[in-house]
Amino acid sequence: MSFELLSKLETKIQAALETIELQKMELEEEKQKAVELQQQLEDEKRKSEQLQQELHNWNEKVTGLVGLLNNEVA
């Protein structure tokens, strides 16, 4: 009877170890995805900052041109 119990215990331990290994692999995959998402977020932030700067520059140009037009009309 004790050999049978040891055999069952060994089977359960082996199953637990396999589950732990699978969870470790999944965790590593999720960590890698998190790193990739963080990089994408940083890239998008940079793009957003560039677009905001371009918009600001265009607004200044338009404001300047409108000012010149106002001066010519006045």
C-alpha atoms as a PDB file:
ATOM      1  CA  MET A   1       0.000   0.000   0.000  1.00  0.00           C
ATOM      2  CA  SER A   2       2.760   2.509   0.792  1.00  0.00           C
ATOM      3  CA  PHE A   3       4.423   1.868  -2.578  1.00  0.00           C
ATOM      4  CA  GLU A   4       1.127   2.748  -4.257  1.00  0.00           C
ATOM      5  CA  LEU A   5       0.870   5.943  -2.198  1.00  0.00           C
ATOM      6  CA  LEU A   6       4.460   6.872  -3.076  1.00  0.00           C
ATOM      7  CA  SER A   7       3.711   6.261  -6.731  1.00  0.00           C
ATOM      8  CA  LYS A   8       0.628   8.524  -6.571  1.00  0.00           C
ATOM      9  CA  LEU A   9       2.614  11.150  -4.726  1.00  0.00           C
ATOM     10  CA  GLU A  10       5.366  10.998  -7.339  1.00  0.00           C
ATOM     11  CA  THR A  11       2.764  11.416 -10.102  1.00  0.00           C
ATOM     12  CA  LYS A  12       1.243  14.418  -8.359  1.00  0.00           C
ATOM     13  CA  ILE A  13       4.652  15.974  -7.754  1.00  0.00           C
ATOM     14  CA  GLN A  14       5.592  15.468 -11.401  1.00  0.00           C
ATOM     15  CA  ALA A  15       2.322  17.062 -12.512  1.00  0.00           C
ATOM     16  CA  ALA A  16       2.914  19.994 -10.147  1.00  0.00           C
ATOM     17  CA  LEU A  17       6.455  20.467 -11.492  1.00  0.00           C
ATOM     18  CA  GLU A  18       5.173  20.454 -15.065  1.00  0.00           C
ATOM     19  CA  THR A  19       2.509  22.997 -14.151  1.00  0.00           C
ATOM     20  CA  ILE A  20       5.120  25.200 -12.495  1.00  0.00           C
ATOM     21  CA  GLU A  21       7.353  24.973 -15.553  1.00  0.00           C
ATOM     22  CA  LEU A  22       4.473  25.901 -17.865  1.00  0.00           C
ATOM     23  CA  GLN A  23       3.588  28.847 -15.653  1.00  0.00           C
ATOM     24  CA  LYS A  24       7.198  29.996 -15.678  1.00  0.00           C
ATOM     25  CA  MET A  25       7.209  29.882 -19.464  1.00  0.00           C
ATOM     26  CA  GLU A  26       3.939  31.814 -19.625  1.00  0.00           C
ATOM     27  CA  LEU A  27       5.298  34.369 -17.189  1.00  0.00           C
ATOM     28  CA  GLU A  28       8.387  34.890 -19.342  1.00  0.00           C
ATOM     29  CA  GLU A  29       6.189  35.352 -22.402  1.00  0.00           C
ATOM     30  CA  GLU A  30       4.080  37.911 -20.568  1.00  0.00           C
ATOM     31  CA  LYS A  31       7.190  39.742 -19.384  1.00  0.00           C
ATOM     32  CA  GLN A  32       8.450  39.900 -22.960  1.00  0.00           C
ATOM     33  CA  LYS A  33       5.083  41.200 -24.146  1.00  0.00           C
ATOM     34  CA  ALA A  34       5.196  43.850 -21.414  1.00  0.00           C
ATOM     35  CA  VAL A  35       8.662  44.952 -22.555  1.00  0.00           C
ATOM     36  CA  GLU A  36       7.467  45.158 -26.157  1.00  0.00           C
ATOM     37  CA  LEU A  37       4.363  47.112 -25.161  1.00  0.00           C
ATOM     38  CA  GLN A  38       6.463  49.508 -23.101  1.00  0.00           C
ATOM     39  CA  GLN A  39       8.720  50.095 -26.112  1.00  0.00           C
ATOM     40  CA  GLN A  40       5.683  50.702 -28.329  1.00  0.00           C
ATOM     41  CA  LEU A  41       4.304  53.140 -25.778  1.00  0.00           C
ATOM     42  CA  GLU A  42       7.581  55.053 -25.702  1.00  0.00           C
ATOM     43  CA  ASP A  43       7.661  55.141 -29.515  1.00  0.00           C
ATOM     44  CA  GLU A  44       4.105  56.454 -29.650  1.00  0.00           C
ATOM     45  CA  LYS A  45       4.893  59.100 -27.037  1.00  0.00           C
ATOM     46  CA  ARG A  46       7.862  60.256 -29.128  1.00  0.00           C
ATOM     47  CA  LYS A  47       5.693  60.403 -32.243  1.00  0.00           C
ATOM     48  CA  SER A  48       3.048  62.348 -30.356  1.00  0.00           C
ATOM     49  CA  GLU A  49       5.615  64.849 -29.102  1.00  0.00           C
ATOM     50  CA  GLN A  50       6.973  65.287 -32.634  1.00  0.00           C
ATOM     51  CA  LEU A  51       3.472  65.846 -34.015  1.00  0.00           C
ATOM     52  CA  GLN A  52       2.683  68.332 -31.259  1.00  0.00           C
ATOM     53  CA  GLN A  53       5.873  70.224 -32.071  1.00  0.00           C
ATOM     54  CA  GLU A  54       5.023  70.223 -35.770  1.00  0.00           C
ATOM     55  CA  LEU A  55       1.517  71.495 -34.990  1.00  0.00           C
ATOM     56  CA  HIS A  56       2.967  74.241 -32.821  1.00  0.00           C
ATOM     57  CA  ASN A  57       5.357  75.247 -35.613  1.00  0.00           C
ATOM     58  CA  TRP A  58       2.535  75.343 -38.171  1.00  0.00           C
ATOM     59  CA  ASN A  59       0.369  77.386 -35.813  1.00  0.00           C
ATOM     60  CA  GLU A  60       3.186  79.911 -35.445  1.00  0.00           C
ATOM     61  CA  LYS A  61       3.622  80.110 -39.219  1.00  0.00           C
ATOM     62  CA  VAL A  62      -0.085  80.578 -39.811  1.00  0.00           C
ATOM     63  CA  THR A  63      -0.316  83.190 -37.073  1.00  0.00           C
ATOM     64  CA  GLY A  64       2.627  85.019 -38.618  1.00  0.00           C
ATOM     65  CA  LEU A  65       1.085  84.929 -42.074  1.00  0.00           C
ATOM     66  CA  VAL A  66      -2.270  86.124 -40.755  1.00  0.00           C
ATOM     67  CA  GLY A  67      -0.414  88.956 -39.023  1.00  0.00           C
ATOM     68  CA  LEU A  68       1.267  89.916 -42.286  1.00  0.00           C
ATOM     69  CA  LEU A  69      -2.077  89.872 -44.085  1.00  0.00           C
ATOM     70  CA  ASN A  70      -3.615  92.064 -41.401  1.00  0.00           C
ATOM     71  CA  ASN A  71      -0.747  94.531 -41.729  1.00  0.00           C
ATOM     72  CA  GLU A  72      -1.148  94.641 -45.529  1.00  0.00           C
ATOM     73  CA  VAL A  73      -4.905  95.194 -45.276  1.00  0.00           C
ATOM     74  CA  ALA A  74      -4.633  97.852 -42.594  1.00  0.00           C
END
